[in-house]
Protein backbone atom coordinates (compact mmCIF):
# COMPACT_ATOMS: atom_id res chain seq x y z
CA MET A 1 -38.57 5.06 42.02
CA THR A 2 -38.93 7.96 39.75
CA VAL A 3 -39.32 11.51 40.46
CA ASP A 4 -42.05 13.26 39.18
CA PRO A 5 -41.64 16.68 38.74
CA ASP A 6 -44.92 17.80 39.02
CA HIS A 7 -45.63 16.19 41.80
CA LEU A 8 -41.86 17.93 43.86
CA GLY A 9 -43.27 21.38 42.61
CA HIS A 10 -46.30 20.35 44.44
CA SER A 11 -44.91 19.19 47.35
CA GLY A 12 -42.92 22.26 47.52
CA GLY A 13 -46.14 24.73 47.13
CA THR A 14 -47.65 23.29 50.84
CA LEU A 15 -43.77 23.28 52.13
CA ALA A 16 -43.60 27.39 51.38
CA ASP A 17 -47.18 27.77 52.27
CA ALA A 18 -46.77 26.04 55.89
CA GLY A 19 -43.68 28.39 55.50
CA ARG A 20 -46.00 31.04 55.25
CA LEU A 21 -48.27 30.11 57.65
CA LEU A 22 -46.15 30.21 60.30
CA GLU A 23 -44.59 33.96 59.35
CA ARG A 24 -48.46 35.60 59.76
CA VAL A 25 -48.78 33.01 62.43
CA ALA A 26 -45.82 35.26 63.69
CA HIS A 27 -46.74 38.67 62.15
CA ALA A 28 -51.02 38.20 64.14
CA ILE A 29 -49.68 37.82 67.64
CA GLY A 30 -46.65 40.10 67.96
CA PRO A 31 -47.28 43.54 70.23
CA ALA A 32 -44.87 45.85 67.36
CA SER A 33 -47.69 45.22 64.38
CA PRO A 34 -50.21 47.87 64.43
CA THR A 35 -54.33 46.61 65.24
CA LEU A 36 -54.86 46.14 60.35
CA GLY A 37 -51.44 44.20 60.11
CA ARG A 38 -52.04 41.84 62.84
CA LEU A 39 -56.05 41.58 61.18
CA ALA A 40 -54.20 41.43 58.22
CA ALA A 41 -52.45 38.54 59.68
CA ALA A 42 -54.87 36.44 61.21
CA ILE A 43 -57.27 36.75 57.98
CA SER A 44 -54.11 34.77 56.00
CA VAL A 45 -53.45 32.43 58.39
CA VAL A 46 -57.11 31.02 58.65
CA ARG A 47 -57.11 30.96 55.15
CA LEU A 48 -53.82 29.46 54.77
CA GLY A 49 -54.91 27.42 57.31
CA ALA A 50 -58.05 26.48 55.21
CA ARG A 51 -55.25 25.42 52.54
CA LEU A 52 -53.05 22.97 54.77
CA LEU A 53 -55.57 20.89 55.76
CA PRO A 54 -56.12 18.51 53.48
CA ALA A 55 -52.65 18.26 52.52
CA GLY A 56 -52.37 18.43 57.11
CA GLY A 57 -55.04 14.87 57.39
CA ARG A 58 -53.32 13.26 54.32
CA PHE A 59 -50.62 13.68 56.26
CA PHE A 60 -51.68 12.43 59.12
CA LYS A 61 -53.35 9.37 57.58
CA ARG A 62 -50.06 7.90 55.62
CA HIS A 63 -47.71 9.77 58.98
CA PRO A 64 -48.96 9.41 62.54
CA VAL A 65 -46.41 10.09 64.72
CA GLY A 66 -44.25 11.84 61.94
CA SER A 67 -47.75 14.24 61.66
CA VAL A 68 -48.27 14.87 66.21
CA LEU A 69 -44.29 15.86 65.99
CA VAL A 70 -44.85 18.47 64.01
CA VAL A 71 -47.31 19.20 65.04
CA ALA A 72 -45.93 19.80 68.90
CA GLY A 73 -43.14 22.03 66.58
CA MET A 74 -44.71 24.24 65.32
CA LEU A 75 -46.66 24.59 69.14
CA GLY A 76 -43.27 25.21 70.21
CA ALA A 77 -42.63 27.42 67.11
CA VAL A 78 -45.09 29.74 67.92
CA TYR A 79 -44.62 29.51 71.61
CA LEU A 80 -41.19 31.07 71.71
CA LEU A 81 -42.38 33.63 69.00
CA ARG A 82 -44.90 34.81 71.18
CA PRO A 83 -43.35 38.31 73.50
CA PRO A 84 -41.59 37.57 76.68
CA PRO A 85 -44.46 38.94 80.00
CA LEU A 86 -43.56 42.19 81.20
CA SER A 87 -42.65 41.74 84.91
CA PRO A 88 -45.01 45.03 87.49
CA ARG A 89 -41.98 47.62 87.15
CA GLN A 90 -41.93 47.84 83.48
CA ARG A 91 -45.58 47.93 83.79
CA LEU A 92 -46.12 50.93 85.90
CA GLY A 93 -42.41 52.73 85.57
C-alpha cells in the first residue's frame, strides 16, 4: 500500500472546505452578524456546497452508513450552533 501525496493534498483540501462550510453556516445563522455579512456567508455556503457535492456523492457510494453518520453529525452541529429561543419576558423587556 502506497500513499500518493497528491491524493492526500486533494483530500485535505476537501476536508478544509467542509470545515469552512460549517464555519460559514454558523456565521450565516448567527443573529449577531450584520445582514450584509450573513448574506455574504449564505452565498459562500452555496458556493462551497456546490464544490463539495461531487465529493459527498462519491463518499456516499463508497460508504453509505458512514455518510449518513457524517450528515447527521453536521446537522447536529448546525442545530447546536443556532441561538437559543427568547422567552416572552426577554422579548418584551
